[in-house]
Amino acid sequence: MGRKVLIVDDAAFMRMMLKDILTKNDFEVVAEAENGKVAVASYQKFKPDIVTMDITMPEMNGIDAVKAIKAIDGSARIVMVSAMGQQPMVIEAIQAGATDFIVKPFQPDRVVEALNKALG
């Protein structure tokens, strides 16, 4: 039973790391996006069960993307991905509707735990 995930990060290396962690833990990565604009379009197209969303990206940042996705689907589950020291942005993202957050560099267990918790 693969839970469908959309991975959003402007760094291909980060997307690859997350994809690796998730596929090893029975998640199905249905799409990847390199910015918030692509993320919103991918969300509509693939209807994932959950989204991992980077905060700082070109074109549209993660917080604006969370707001846009939540406007489309109020029940969307989004876990923010942030670097150390982005706490104010994480708080803003949670207020915008994100479910949880994980901090880079990733602890695989924490990534899986956050997604499982968000999926209930």
PDB file of N, CA and C in Angstrom:
ATOM      1  N   MET A   1       0.853  -1.190   0.000  1.00  0.00           N
ATOM      2  CA  MET A   1       0.000   0.000   0.000  1.00  0.00           C
ATOM      3  C   MET A   1       0.888   1.238   0.000  1.00  0.00           C
ATOM      4  N   GLY A   2       1.259   1.695  -1.161  1.00  0.00           N
ATOM      5  CA  GLY A   2       2.137   2.856  -1.230  1.00  0.00           C
ATOM      6  C   GLY A   2       1.372   4.153  -1.056  1.00  0.00           C
ATOM      7  N   ARG A   3       1.786   4.945  -0.088  1.00  0.00           N
ATOM      8  CA  ARG A   3       1.168   6.254   0.071  1.00  0.00           C
ATOM      9  C   ARG A   3       1.850   7.205  -0.889  1.00  0.00           C
ATOM     10  N   LYS A   4       1.060   7.957  -1.631  1.00  0.00           N
ATOM     11  CA  LYS A   4       1.594   8.779  -2.709  1.00  0.00           C
ATOM     12  C   LYS A   4       2.149  10.108  -2.184  1.00  0.00           C
ATOM     13  N   VAL A   5       3.394  10.405  -2.595  1.00  0.00           N
ATOM     14  CA  VAL A   5       4.084  11.598  -2.125  1.00  0.00           C
ATOM     15  C   VAL A   5       4.528  12.476  -3.291  1.00  0.00           C
ATOM     16  N   LEU A   6       4.397  13.776  -3.093  1.00  0.00           N
ATOM     17  CA  LEU A   6       4.959  14.776  -4.006  1.00  0.00           C
ATOM     18  C   LEU A   6       6.115  15.421  -3.250  1.00  0.00           C
ATOM     19  N   ILE A   7       7.313  15.360  -3.825  1.00  0.00           N
ATOM     20  CA  ILE A   7       8.501  15.954  -3.197  1.00  0.00           C
ATOM     21  C   ILE A   7       8.797  17.287  -3.876  1.00  0.00           C
ATOM     22  N   VAL A   8       8.881  18.347  -3.073  1.00  0.00           N
ATOM     23  CA  VAL A   8       9.136  19.679  -3.613  1.00  0.00           C
ATOM     24  C   VAL A   8      10.402  20.261  -2.989  1.00  0.00           C
ATOM     25  N   ASP A   9      11.417  20.474  -3.818  1.00  0.00           N
ATOM     26  CA  ASP A   9      12.667  21.077  -3.364  1.00  0.00           C
ATOM     27  C   ASP A   9      13.415  21.569  -4.595  1.00  0.00           C
ATOM     28  N   ASP A  10      14.026  22.743  -4.496  1.00  0.00           N
ATOM     29  CA  ASP A  10      14.746  23.262  -5.665  1.00  0.00           C
ATOM     30  C   ASP A  10      16.079  22.555  -5.873  1.00  0.00           C
ATOM     31  N   ALA A  11      16.549  21.806  -4.884  1.00  0.00           N
ATOM     32  CA  ALA A  11      17.815  21.075  -5.017  1.00  0.00           C
ATOM     33  C   ALA A  11      17.543  19.624  -5.414  1.00  0.00           C
ATOM     34  N   ALA A  12      18.019  19.240  -6.587  1.00  0.00           N
ATOM     35  CA  ALA A  12      17.812  17.874  -7.088  1.00  0.00           C
ATOM     36  C   ALA A  12      18.370  16.842  -6.106  1.00  0.00           C
ATOM     37  N   PHE A  13      19.501  17.172  -5.468  1.00  0.00           N
ATOM     38  CA  PHE A  13      20.131  16.267  -4.512  1.00  0.00           C
ATOM     39  C   PHE A  13      19.196  16.001  -3.323  1.00  0.00           C
ATOM     40  N   MET A  14      18.535  17.037  -2.836  1.00  0.00           N
ATOM     41  CA  MET A  14      17.602  16.878  -1.711  1.00  0.00           C
ATOM     42  C   MET A  14      16.393  16.033  -2.114  1.00  0.00           C
ATOM     43  N   ARG A  15      15.886  16.270  -3.324  1.00  0.00           N
ATOM     44  CA  ARG A  15      14.765  15.453  -3.804  1.00  0.00           C
ATOM     45  C   ARG A  15      15.177  13.983  -3.875  1.00  0.00           C
ATOM     46  N   MET A  16      16.388  13.748  -4.359  1.00  0.00           N
ATOM     47  CA  MET A  16      16.895  12.387  -4.491  1.00  0.00           C
ATOM     48  C   MET A  16      17.017  11.725  -3.108  1.00  0.00           C
ATOM     49  N   MET A  17      17.547  12.463  -2.134  1.00  0.00           N
ATOM     50  CA  MET A  17      17.695  11.914  -0.775  1.00  0.00           C
ATOM     51  C   MET A  17      16.334  11.559  -0.175  1.00  0.00           C
ATOM     52  N   LEU A  18      15.392  12.478  -0.309  1.00  0.00           N
ATOM     53  CA  LEU A  18      14.051  12.224   0.232  1.00  0.00           C
ATOM     54  C   LEU A  18      13.389  11.042  -0.471  1.00  0.00           C
ATOM     55  N   LYS A  19      13.519  11.006  -1.788  1.00  0.00           N
ATOM     56  CA  LYS A  19      12.929   9.913  -2.567  1.00  0.00           C
ATOM     57  C   LYS A  19      13.482   8.574  -2.096  1.00  0.00           C
ATOM     58  N   ASP A  20      14.790   8.526  -1.864  1.00  0.00           N
ATOM     59  CA  ASP A  20      15.447   7.312  -1.401  1.00  0.00           C
ATOM     60  C   ASP A  20      14.887   6.870  -0.050  1.00  0.00           C
ATOM     61  N   ILE A  21      14.792   7.805   0.890  1.00  0.00           N
ATOM     62  CA  ILE A  21      14.261   7.490   2.230  1.00  0.00           C
ATOM     63  C   ILE A  21      12.824   6.983   2.116  1.00  0.00           C
ATOM     64  N   LEU A  22      12.018   7.690   1.338  1.00  0.00           N
ATOM     65  CA  LEU A  22      10.597   7.367   1.271  1.00  0.00           C
ATOM     66  C   LEU A  22      10.304   6.052   0.547  1.00  0.00           C
ATOM     67  N   THR A  23      10.981   5.823  -0.585  1.00  0.00           N
ATOM     68  CA  THR A  23      10.707   4.581  -1.323  1.00  0.00           C
ATOM     69  C   THR A  23      11.121   3.355  -0.508  1.00  0.00           C
ATOM     70  N   LYS A  24      12.148   3.500   0.340  1.00  0.00           N
ATOM     71  CA  LYS A  24      12.564   2.384   1.198  1.00  0.00           C
ATOM     72  C   LYS A  24      11.567   2.140   2.329  1.00  0.00           C
ATOM     73  N   ASN A  25      10.634   3.061   2.519  1.00  0.00           N
ATOM     74  CA  ASN A  25       9.665   2.953   3.614  1.00  0.00           C
ATOM     75  C   ASN A  25       8.222   2.901   3.103  1.00  0.00           C
ATOM     76  N   ASP A  26       8.043   2.253   1.961  1.00  0.00           N
ATOM     77  CA  ASP A  26       6.713   1.989   1.405  1.00  0.00           C
ATOM     78  C   ASP A  26       5.914   3.216   0.976  1.00  0.00           C
ATOM     79  N   PHE A  27       6.613   4.299   0.637  1.00  0.00           N
ATOM     80  CA  PHE A  27       5.928   5.449   0.056  1.00  0.00           C
ATOM     81  C   PHE A  27       6.151   5.392  -1.450  1.00  0.00           C
ATOM     82  N   GLU A  28       5.206   5.901  -2.203  1.00  0.00           N
ATOM     83  CA  GLU A  28       5.342   5.959  -3.649  1.00  0.00           C
ATOM     84  C   GLU A  28       5.503   7.429  -4.046  1.00  0.00           C
ATOM     85  N   VAL A  29       6.661   7.777  -4.592  1.00  0.00           N
ATOM     86  CA  VAL A  29       6.883   9.150  -5.026  1.00  0.00           C
ATOM     87  C   VAL A  29       6.254   9.310  -6.409  1.00  0.00           C
ATOM     88  N   VAL A  30       5.122  10.036  -6.475  1.00  0.00           N
ATOM     89  CA  VAL A  30       4.379  10.162  -7.735  1.00  0.00           C
ATOM     90  C   VAL A  30       4.873  11.325  -8.579  1.00  0.00           C
ATOM     91  N   ALA A  31       5.533  12.310  -7.928  1.00  0.00           N
ATOM     92  CA  ALA A  31       6.041  13.451  -8.680  1.00  0.00           C
ATOM     93  C   ALA A  31       7.056  14.218  -7.844  1.00  0.00           C
ATOM     94  N   GLU A  32       7.885  15.001  -8.547  1.00  0.00           N
ATOM     95  CA  GLU A  32       8.840  15.891  -7.905  1.00  0.00           C
ATOM     96  C   GLU A  32       8.669  17.261  -8.539  1.00  0.00           C
ATOM     97  N   ALA A  33       8.908  18.304  -7.756  1.00  0.00           N
ATOM     98  CA  ALA A  33       8.802  19.663  -8.270  1.00  0.00           C
ATOM     99  C   ALA A  33       9.976  20.477  -7.748  1.00  0.00           C
ATOM    100  N   GLU A  34      10.470  21.385  -8.601  1.00  0.00           N
ATOM    101  CA  GLU A  34      11.644  22.182  -8.233  1.00  0.00           C
ATOM    102  C   GLU A  34      11.286  23.573  -7.723  1.00  0.00           C
ATOM    103  N   ASN A  35       9.999  23.920  -7.743  1.00  0.00           N
ATOM    104  CA  ASN A  35       9.565  25.186  -7.150  1.00  0.00           C
ATOM    105  C   ASN A  35       8.081  25.116  -6.818  1.00  0.00           C
ATOM    106  N   GLY A  36       7.590  26.137  -6.129  1.00  0.00           N
ATOM    107  CA  GLY A  36       6.207  26.131  -5.684  1.00  0.00           C
ATOM    108  C   GLY A  36       5.191  26.126  -6.807  1.00  0.00           C
ATOM    109  N   LYS A  37       5.521  26.807  -7.894  1.00  0.00           N
ATOM    110  CA  LYS A  37       4.610  26.879  -9.034  1.00  0.00           C
ATOM    111  C   LYS A  37       4.375  25.487  -9.624  1.00  0.00           C
ATOM    112  N   VAL A  38       5.475  24.765  -9.844  1.00  0.00           N
ATOM    113  CA  VAL A  38       5.390  23.396 -10.366  1.00  0.00           C
ATOM    114  C   VAL A  38       4.686  22.494  -9.338  1.00  0.00           C
ATOM    115  N   ALA A  39       4.932  22.754  -8.047  1.00  0.00           N
ATOM    116  CA  ALA A  39       4.312  21.959  -6.984  1.00  0.00           C
ATOM    117  C   ALA A  39       2.792  22.044  -7.026  1.00  0.00           C
ATOM    118  N   VAL A  40       2.264  23.248  -7.201  1.00  0.00           N
ATOM    119  CA  VAL A  40       0.812  23.447  -7.232  1.00  0.00           C
ATOM    120  C   VAL A  40       0.209  22.700  -8.424  1.00  0.00           C
ATOM    121  N   ALA A  41       0.838  22.824  -9.589  1.00  0.00           N
ATOM    122  CA  ALA A  41       0.362  22.130 -10.794  1.00  0.00           C
ATOM    123  C   ALA A  41       0.444  20.612 -10.605  1.00  0.00           C
ATOM    124  N   SER A  42       1.552  20.139 -10.016  1.00  0.00           N
ATOM    125  CA  SER A  42       1.733  18.702  -9.792  1.00  0.00           C
ATOM    126  C   SER A  42       0.723  18.178  -8.782  1.00  0.00           C
ATOM    127  N   TYR A  43       0.415  18.985  -7.775  1.00  0.00           N
ATOM    128  CA  TYR A  43      -0.572  18.564  -6.772  1.00  0.00           C
ATOM    129  C   TYR A  43      -1.924  18.314  -7.447  1.00  0.00           C
ATOM    130  N   GLN A  44      -2.315  19.245  -8.313  1.00  0.00           N
ATOM    131  CA  GLN A  44      -3.594  19.111  -9.003  1.00  0.00           C
ATOM    132  C   GLN A  44      -3.606  17.892  -9.924  1.00  0.00           C
ATOM    133  N   LYS A  45      -2.483  17.645 -10.578  1.00  0.00           N
ATOM    134  CA  LYS A  45      -2.402  16.548 -11.542  1.00  0.00           C
ATOM    135  C   LYS A  45      -2.332  15.175 -10.865  1.00  0.00           C
ATOM    136  N   PHE A  46      -1.490  15.042  -9.835  1.00  0.00           N
ATOM    137  CA  PHE A  46      -1.229  13.724  -9.248  1.00  0.00           C
ATOM    138  C   PHE A  46      -2.026  13.415  -7.986  1.00  0.00           C
ATOM    139  N   LYS A  47      -2.639  14.418  -7.359  1.00  0.00           N
ATOM    140  CA  LYS A  47      -3.430  14.234  -6.133  1.00  0.00           C
ATOM    141  C   LYS A  47      -2.705  13.344  -5.110  1.00  0.00           C
ATOM    142  N   PRO A  48      -1.504  13.739  -4.679  1.00  0.00           N
ATOM    143  CA  PRO A  48      -0.761  12.906  -3.728  1.00  0.00           C
ATOM    144  C   PRO A  48      -1.439  12.883  -2.357  1.00  0.00           C
ATOM    145  N   ASP A  49      -1.090  11.883  -1.558  1.00  0.00           N
ATOM    146  CA  ASP A  49      -1.623  11.789  -0.199  1.00  0.00           C
ATOM    147  C   ASP A  49      -0.934  12.796   0.710  1.00  0.00           C
ATOM    148  N   ILE A  50       0.312  13.112   0.375  1.00  0.00           N
ATOM    149  CA  ILE A  50       1.100  14.021   1.206  1.00  0.00           C
ATOM    150  C   ILE A  50       2.175  14.700   0.362  1.00  0.00           C
ATOM    151  N   VAL A  51       2.608  15.874   0.818  1.00  0.00           N
ATOM    152  CA  VAL A  51       3.616  16.663   0.109  1.00  0.00           C
ATOM    153  C   VAL A  51       4.753  17.001   1.079  1.00  0.00           C
ATOM    154  N   THR A  52       5.999  16.863   0.614  1.00  0.00           N
ATOM    155  CA  THR A  52       7.124  17.423   1.382  1.00  0.00           C
ATOM    156  C   THR A  52       7.488  18.715   0.657  1.00  0.00           C
ATOM    157  N   MET A  53       7.546  19.820   1.380  1.00  0.00           N
ATOM    158  CA  MET A  53       7.682  21.145   0.772  1.00  0.00           C
ATOM    159  C   MET A  53       8.872  21.906   1.344  1.00  0.00           C
ATOM    160  N   ASP A  54       9.826  22.211   0.491  1.00  0.00           N
ATOM    161  CA  ASP A  54      10.944  23.061   0.886  1.00  0.00           C
ATOM    162  C   ASP A  54      10.398  24.477   1.074  1.00  0.00           C
ATOM    163  N   ILE A  55      11.078  25.288   1.877  1.00  0.00           N
ATOM    164  CA  ILE A  55      10.596  26.653   2.105  1.00  0.00           C
ATOM    165  C   ILE A  55      11.178  27.627   1.083  1.00  0.00           C
ATOM    166  N   THR A  56      12.490  27.623   0.955  1.00  0.00           N
ATOM    167  CA  THR A  56      13.152  28.611   0.110  1.00  0.00           C
ATOM    168  C   THR A  56      13.377  28.057  -1.289  1.00  0.00           C
ATOM    169  N   MET A  57      12.609  28.592  -2.263  1.00  0.00           N
ATOM    170  CA  MET A  57      12.726  28.143  -3.648  1.00  0.00           C
ATOM    171  C   MET A  57      12.491  29.321  -4.586  1.00  0.00           C
ATOM    172  N   PRO A  58      13.003  29.219  -5.824  1.00  0.00           N
ATOM    173  CA  PRO A  58      12.748  30.282  -6.810  1.00  0.00           C
ATOM    174  C   PRO A  58      11.296  30.228  -7.309  1.00  0.00           C
ATOM    175  N   GLU A  59      10.871  31.262  -7.981  1.00  0.00           N
ATOM    176  CA  GLU A  59       9.542  31.393  -8.602  1.00  0.00           C
ATOM    177  C   GLU A  59       8.392  31.502  -7.609  1.00  0.00           C
ATOM    178  N   MET A  60       8.201  30.489  -6.776  1.00  0.00           N
ATOM    179  CA  MET A  60       7.192  30.556  -5.720  1.00  0.00           C
ATOM    180  C   MET A  60       7.738  29.798  -4.523  1.00  0.00           C
ATOM    181  N   ASN A  61       7.813  30.462  -3.348  1.00  0.00           N
ATOM    182  CA  ASN A  61       8.382  29.784  -2.185  1.00  0.00           C
ATOM    183  C   ASN A  61       7.389  28.788  -1.585  1.00  0.00           C
ATOM    184  N   GLY A  62       7.875  28.009  -0.640  1.00  0.00           N
ATOM    185  CA  GLY A  62       7.069  26.953  -0.045  1.00  0.00           C
ATOM    186  C   GLY A  62       5.841  27.446   0.696  1.00  0.00           C
ATOM    187  N   ILE A  63       5.955  28.582   1.350  1.00  0.00           N
ATOM    188  CA  ILE A  63       4.811  29.110   2.107  1.00  0.00           C
ATOM    189  C   ILE A  63       3.680  29.506   1.165  1.00  0.00           C
ATOM    190  N   ASP A  64       4.016  30.195   0.069  1.00  0.00           N
ATOM    191  CA  ASP A  64       2.987  30.563  -0.910  1.00  0.00           C
ATOM    192  C   ASP A  64       2.388  29.320  -1.574  1.00  0.00           C
ATOM    193  N   ALA A  65       3.234  28.319  -1.792  1.00  0.00           N
ATOM    194  CA  ALA A  65       2.744  27.071  -2.395  1.00  0.00           C
ATOM    195  C   ALA A  65       1.787  26.351  -1.447  1.00  0.00           C
ATOM    196  N   VAL A  66       2.094  26.361  -0.140  1.00  0.00           N
ATOM    197  CA  VAL A  66       1.189  25.746   0.849  1.00  0.00           C
ATOM    198  C   VAL A  66      -0.175  26.439   0.781  1.00  0.00           C
ATOM    199  N   LYS A  67      -0.147  27.773   0.767  1.00  0.00           N
ATOM    200  CA  LYS A  67      -1.410  28.529   0.704  1.00  0.00           C
ATOM    201  C   LYS A  67      -2.197  28.181  -0.557  1.00  0.00           C
ATOM    202  N   ALA A  68      -1.489  28.087  -1.694  1.00  0.00           N
ATOM    203  CA  ALA A  68      -2.149  27.785  -2.969  1.00  0.00           C
ATOM    204  C   ALA A  68      -2.739  26.376  -2.968  1.00  0.00           C
ATOM    205  N   ILE A  69      -1.983  25.400  -2.454  1.00  0.00           N
ATOM    206  CA  ILE A  69      -2.471  24.017  -2.413  1.00  0.00           C
ATOM    207  C   ILE A  69      -3.645  23.901  -1.442  1.00  0.00           C
ATOM    208  N   LYS A  70      -3.548  24.565  -0.299  1.00  0.00           N
ATOM    209  CA  LYS A  70      -4.639  24.518   0.689  1.00  0.00           C
ATOM    210  C   LYS A  70      -5.909  25.166   0.127  1.00  0.00           C
ATOM    211  N   ALA A  71      -5.737  26.159  -0.756  1.00  0.00           N
ATOM    212  CA  ALA A  71      -6.901  26.804  -1.380  1.00  0.00           C
ATOM    213  C   ALA A  71      -7.605  25.830  -2.329  1.00  0.00           C
ATOM    214  N   ILE A  72      -6.818  24.951  -2.963  1.00  0.00           N
ATOM    215  CA  ILE A  72      -7.361  23.949  -3.889  1.00  0.00           C
ATOM    216  C   ILE A  72      -7.977  22.794  -3.107  1.00  0.00           C
ATOM    217  N   ASP A  73      -7.264  22.356  -2.065  1.00  0.00           N
ATOM    218  CA  ASP A  73      -7.669  21.193  -1.279  1.00  0.00           C
ATOM    219  C   ASP A  73      -7.414  21.481   0.189  1.00  0.00           C
ATOM    220  N   GLY A  74      -8.462  21.816   0.905  1.00  0.00           N
ATOM    221  CA  GLY A  74      -8.338  22.165   2.317  1.00  0.00           C
ATOM    222  C   GLY A  74      -7.818  21.037   3.187  1.00  0.00           C
ATOM    223  N   SER A  75      -7.936  19.795   2.698  1.00  0.00           N
ATOM    224  CA  SER A  75      -7.476  18.658   3.502  1.00  0.00           C
ATOM    225  C   SER A  75      -6.080  18.189   3.098  1.00  0.00           C
ATOM    226  N   ALA A  76      -5.399  18.962   2.259  1.00  0.00           N
ATOM    227  CA  ALA A  76      -4.041  18.585   1.826  1.00  0.00           C
ATOM    228  C   ALA A  76      -3.126  18.443   3.037  1.00  0.00           C
ATOM    229  N   ARG A  77      -2.269  17.429   2.986  1.00  0.00           N
ATOM    230  CA  ARG A  77      -1.294  17.209   4.064  1.00  0.00           C
ATOM    231  C   ARG A  77       0.075  17.590   3.528  1.00  0.00           C
ATOM    232  N   ILE A  78       0.694  18.566   4.194  1.00  0.00           N
ATOM    233  CA  ILE A  78       1.973  19.091   3.721  1.00  0.00           C
ATOM    234  C   ILE A  78       2.963  19.147   4.882  1.00  0.00           C
ATOM    235  N   VAL A  79       4.125  18.526   4.679  1.00  0.00           N
ATOM    236  CA  VAL A  79       5.189  18.557   5.683  1.00  0.00           C
ATOM    237  C   VAL A  79       6.291  19.460   5.149  1.00  0.00           C
ATOM    238  N   MET A  80       6.625  20.500   5.903  1.00  0.00           N
ATOM    239  CA  MET A  80       7.647  21.449   5.479  1.00  0.00           C
ATOM    240  C   MET A  80       9.040  20.873   5.703  1.00  0.00           C
ATOM    241  N   VAL A  81       9.947  21.242   4.813  1.00  0.00           N
ATOM    242  CA  VAL A  81      11.338  20.839   4.919  1.00  0.00           C
ATOM    243  C   VAL A  81      12.137  22.130   5.063  1.00  0.00           C
ATOM    244  N   SER A  82      12.862  22.264   6.176  1.00  0.00           N
ATOM    245  CA  SER A  82      13.584  23.517   6.376  1.00  0.00           C
ATOM    246  C   SER A  82      15.014  23.271   6.808  1.00  0.00           C
ATOM    247  N   ALA A  83      15.859  24.227   6.496  1.00  0.00           N
ATOM    248  CA  ALA A  83      17.234  24.193   6.983  1.00  0.00           C
ATOM    249  C   ALA A  83      17.224  24.752   8.409  1.00  0.00           C
ATOM    250  N   MET A  84      18.286  24.539   9.131  1.00  0.00           N
ATOM    251  CA  MET A  84      18.395  25.093  10.474  1.00  0.00           C
ATOM    252  C   MET A  84      18.225  26.605  10.405  1.00  0.00           C
ATOM    253  N   GLY A  85      17.594  27.168  11.432  1.00  0.00           N
ATOM    254  CA  GLY A  85      17.495  28.619  11.504  1.00  0.00           C
ATOM    255  C   GLY A  85      16.353  29.222  10.714  1.00  0.00           C
ATOM    256  N   GLN A  86      15.451  28.395  10.219  1.00  0.00           N
ATOM    257  CA  GLN A  86      14.302  28.924   9.476  1.00  0.00           C
ATOM    258  C   GLN A  86      13.023  28.853  10.306  1.00  0.00           C
ATOM    259  N   GLN A  87      13.170  28.822  11.637  1.00  0.00           N
ATOM    260  CA  GLN A  87      12.007  28.660  12.509  1.00  0.00           C
ATOM    261  C   GLN A  87      10.871  29.646  12.246  1.00  0.00           C
ATOM    262  N   PRO A  88      11.160  30.965  12.064  1.00  0.00           N
ATOM    263  CA  PRO A  88      10.036  31.879  11.812  1.00  0.00           C
ATOM    264  C   PRO A  88       9.249  31.494  10.551  1.00  0.00           C
ATOM    265  N   MET A  89       9.958  31.028   9.522  1.00  0.00           N
ATOM    266  CA  MET A  89       9.293  30.607   8.293  1.00  0.00           C
ATOM    267  C   MET A  89       8.494  29.330   8.513  1.00  0.00           C
ATOM    268  N   VAL A  90       9.022  28.437   9.338  1.00  0.00           N
ATOM    269  CA  VAL A  90       8.305  27.197   9.637  1.00  0.00           C
ATOM    270  C   VAL A  90       6.992  27.533  10.346  1.00  0.00           C
ATOM    271  N   ILE A  91       7.053  28.451  11.297  1.00  0.00           N
ATOM    272  CA  ILE A  91       5.843  28.864  12.021  1.00  0.00           C
ATOM    273  C   ILE A  91       4.830  29.451  11.040  1.00  0.00           C
ATOM    274  N   GLU A  92       5.310  30.291  10.127  1.00  0.00           N
ATOM    275  CA  GLU A  92       4.430  30.881   9.112  1.00  0.00           C
ATOM    276  C   GLU A  92       3.803  29.786   8.240  1.00  0.00           C
ATOM    277  N   ALA A  93       4.596  28.790   7.889  1.00  0.00           N
ATOM    278  CA  ALA A  93       4.105  27.682   7.057  1.00  0.00           C
ATOM    279  C   ALA A  93       3.034  26.873   7.794  1.00  0.00           C
ATOM    280  N   ILE A  94       3.253  26.624   9.077  1.00  0.00           N
ATOM    281  CA  ILE A  94       2.269  25.882   9.877  1.00  0.00           C
ATOM    282  C   ILE A  94       0.970  26.697   9.959  1.00  0.00           C
ATOM    283  N   GLN A  95       1.106  28.003  10.147  1.00  0.00           N
ATOM    284  CA  GLN A  95      -0.074  28.869  10.186  1.00  0.00           C
ATOM    285  C   GLN A  95      -0.796  28.854   8.833  1.00  0.00           C
ATOM    286  N   ALA A  96      -0.028  28.707   7.750  1.00  0.00           N
ATOM    287  CA  ALA A  96      -0.614  28.661   6.406  1.00  0.00           C
ATOM    288  C   ALA A  96      -1.303  27.328   6.133  1.00  0.00           C
ATOM    289  N   GLY A  97      -1.041  26.328   6.983  1.00  0.00           N
ATOM    290  CA  GLY A  97      -1.725  25.052   6.819  1.00  0.00           C
ATOM    291  C   GLY A  97      -0.842  23.818   6.748  1.00  0.00           C
ATOM    292  N   ALA A  98       0.476  23.988   6.887  1.00  0.00           N
ATOM    293  CA  ALA A  98       1.356  22.818   6.882  1.00  0.00           C
ATOM    294  C   ALA A  98       1.086  21.985   8.137  1.00  0.00           C
ATOM    295  N   THR A  99       1.276  20.678   8.023  1.00  0.00           N
ATOM    296  CA  THR A  99       0.960  19.754   9.097  1.00  0.00           C
ATOM    297  C   THR A  99       2.109  19.590  10.084  1.00  0.00           C
ATOM    298  N   ASP A 100       3.337  19.581   9.576  1.00  0.00           N
ATOM    299  CA  ASP A 100       4.509  19.300  10.402  1.00  0.00           C
ATOM    300  C   ASP A 100       5.732  19.814   9.656  1.00  0.00           C
ATOM    301  N   PHE A 101       6.913  19.621  10.241  1.00  0.00           N
ATOM    302  CA  PHE A 101       8.128  20.010   9.542  1.00  0.00           C
ATOM    303  C   PHE A 101       9.265  19.064   9.883  1.00  0.00           C
ATOM    304  N   ILE A 102      10.206  18.960   8.950  1.00  0.00           N
ATOM    305  CA  ILE A 102      11.433  18.205   9.175  1.00  0.00           C
ATOM    306  C   ILE A 102      12.597  19.129   8.849  1.00  0.00           C
ATOM    307  N   VAL A 103      13.716  18.915   9.534  1.00  0.00           N
ATOM    308  CA  VAL A 103      14.858  19.801   9.384  1.00  0.00           C
ATOM    309  C   VAL A 103      15.984  19.090   8.633  1.00  0.00           C
ATOM    310  N   LYS A 104      16.591  19.830   7.686  1.00  0.00           N
ATOM    311  CA  LYS A 104      17.791  19.329   7.002  1.00  0.00           C
ATOM    312  C   LYS A 104      18.974  19.553   7.939  1.00  0.00           C
ATOM    313  N   PRO A 105      19.970  18.709   7.964  1.00  0.00           N
ATOM    314  CA  PRO A 105      20.056  17.420   7.250  1.00  0.00           C
ATOM    315  C   PRO A 105      19.075  16.406   7.846  1.00  0.00           C
ATOM    316  N   PHE A 106      18.523  15.568   6.981  1.00  0.00           N
ATOM    317  CA  PHE A 106      17.470  14.647   7.397  1.00  0.00           C
ATOM    318  C   PHE A 106      17.960  13.506   8.253  1.00  0.00           C
ATOM    319  N   GLN A 107      17.123  13.152   9.217  1.00  0.00           N
ATOM    320  CA  GLN A 107      17.252  11.875   9.919  1.00  0.00           C
ATOM    321  C   GLN A 107      16.151  11.016   9.269  1.00  0.00           C
ATOM    322  N   PRO A 108      16.525   9.945   8.567  1.00  0.00           N
ATOM    323  CA  PRO A 108      15.502   9.137   7.885  1.00  0.00           C
ATOM    324  C   PRO A 108      14.312   8.771   8.774  1.00  0.00           C
ATOM    325  N   ASP A 109      14.580   8.387  10.024  1.00  0.00           N
ATOM    326  CA  ASP A 109      13.495   8.006  10.942  1.00  0.00           C
ATOM    327  C   ASP A 109      12.532   9.165  11.170  1.00  0.00           C
ATOM    328  N   ARG A 110      13.088  10.365  11.301  1.00  0.00           N
ATOM    329  CA  ARG A 110      12.267  11.553  11.558  1.00  0.00           C
ATOM    330  C   ARG A 110      11.395  11.880  10.335  1.00  0.00           C
ATOM    331  N   VAL A 111      11.946  11.689   9.140  1.00  0.00           N
ATOM    332  CA  VAL A 111      11.197  11.940   7.904  1.00  0.00           C
ATOM    333  C   VAL A 111       9.978  11.004   7.851  1.00  0.00           C
ATOM    334  N   VAL A 112      10.232   9.719   8.053  1.00  0.00           N
ATOM    335  CA  VAL A 112       9.165   8.717   7.982  1.00  0.00           C
ATOM    336  C   VAL A 112       8.132   8.967   9.084  1.00  0.00           C
ATOM    337  N   GLU A 113       8.614   9.267  10.293  1.00  0.00           N
ATOM    338  CA  GLU A 113       7.728   9.532  11.423  1.00  0.00           C
ATOM    339  C   GLU A 113       6.818  10.735  11.140  1.00  0.00           C
ATOM    340  N   ALA A 114       7.392  11.814  10.620  1.00  0.00           N
ATOM    341  CA  ALA A 114       6.607  13.027  10.327  1.00  0.00           C
ATOM    342  C   ALA A 114       5.528  12.744   9.297  1.00  0.00           C
ATOM    343  N   LEU A 115       5.877  12.000   8.241  1.00  0.00           N
ATOM    344  CA  LEU A 115       4.897  11.704   7.199  1.00  0.00           C
ATOM    345  C   LEU A 115       3.807  10.767   7.705  1.00  0.00           C
ATOM    346  N   ASN A 116       4.217   9.744   8.447  1.00  0.00           N
ATOM    347  CA  ASN A 116       3.224   8.812   8.983  1.00  0.00           C
ATOM    348  C   ASN A 116       2.264   9.526   9.941  1.00  0.00           C
ATOM    349  N   LYS A 117       2.826  10.421  10.766  1.00  0.00           N
ATOM    350  CA  LYS A 117       2.005  11.175  11.715  1.00  0.00           C
ATOM    351  C   LYS A 117       1.020  12.083  10.960  1.00  0.00           C
ATOM    352  N   ALA A 118       1.513  12.754   9.927  1.00  0.00           N
ATOM    353  CA  ALA A 118       0.659  13.657   9.146  1.00  0.00           C
ATOM    354  C   ALA A 118      -0.459  12.890   8.433  1.00  0.00           C
ATOM    355  N   LEU A 119      -0.160  11.680   8.021  1.00  0.00           N
ATOM    356  CA  LEU A 119      -1.157  10.861   7.329  1.00  0.00           C
ATOM    357  C   LEU A 119      -2.140  10.220   8.310  1.00  0.00           C
ATOM    358  N   GLY A 120      -1.810  10.301   9.600  1.00  0.00           N
ATOM    359  CA  GLY A 120      -2.708   9.749  10.621  1.00  0.00           C
ATOM    360  C   GLY A 120      -2.705   8.232  10.589  1.00  0.00           C
TER     361      GLY A 120
END
